[in-house]
Amino acid sequence: MTRDGLRIQIIDQDKRPMFKLSSTKLEPYAAEILKKLAPVINQLPNRLTIAGHTDSLPYNGVDRSNWELSADRANAARRELVADGYDEKKLLRVVGMADALPLLPDAPTDPRNRRISITVMNDSAADRVLNPLNFSSDKNSSVTLPLPAATPSANASPITPSSLPNSTLIEGITGTITNPEDIAPALPPKP
């Protein structure tokens, strides 16, 4: 179990990789696992996230990286699940994780890191994805990031929530624009 729900790591009992090196085609045994899994998870009302993963070996594709490769692997798994009867409307996210979350952290080049993970999302996690600007739905998950300080200039223009479109989304944030690349908002104090 994770904070988001039940995570299912798709690996077979023989500990084989789900994909050949640099491939987005599911190995036949991986497709068989998804074929058996599709009707089971389709019975659940929960939404799903499908994540594709790679090992840490660099991908040698032209203008591509492990990020694209892992996203394509996640989509290959999505297509297989849907072909095997999973209701595509229950999918919430299909993402590529590259080698960011290895199954075997102490062996990042191990082929078994080339896999699919499926998260059967709980209601809270699905709500966070569906309503990312609804901060009140998960008060414990906010993050405050440091912002660069601006150097005011003679032609600085003040900004306020009312001067921006959709100002209700940024209510309480004000700042000064000193140039198009340099915005320094003043965040409201923490409650």
Foldseek 3Di string as FASTA:
>chain_A
DDPFADKDWQADPVLAAQADPLDLAGDPVSLVVLLVCLVVCLVDQFAKEKWWEFFPDFRPDDVDTLQVSGLSNLVNSVVSSVVSPRDNVSYDYRGYDYQVDAPDVVRRNDSSSGTMMMGRGDPLNSCCSVCVLPCVSCVVPDDDDDADDDDADPPKDKDALVVDPPSVSVHQWIFIDRDPVHTDIDHDDDD
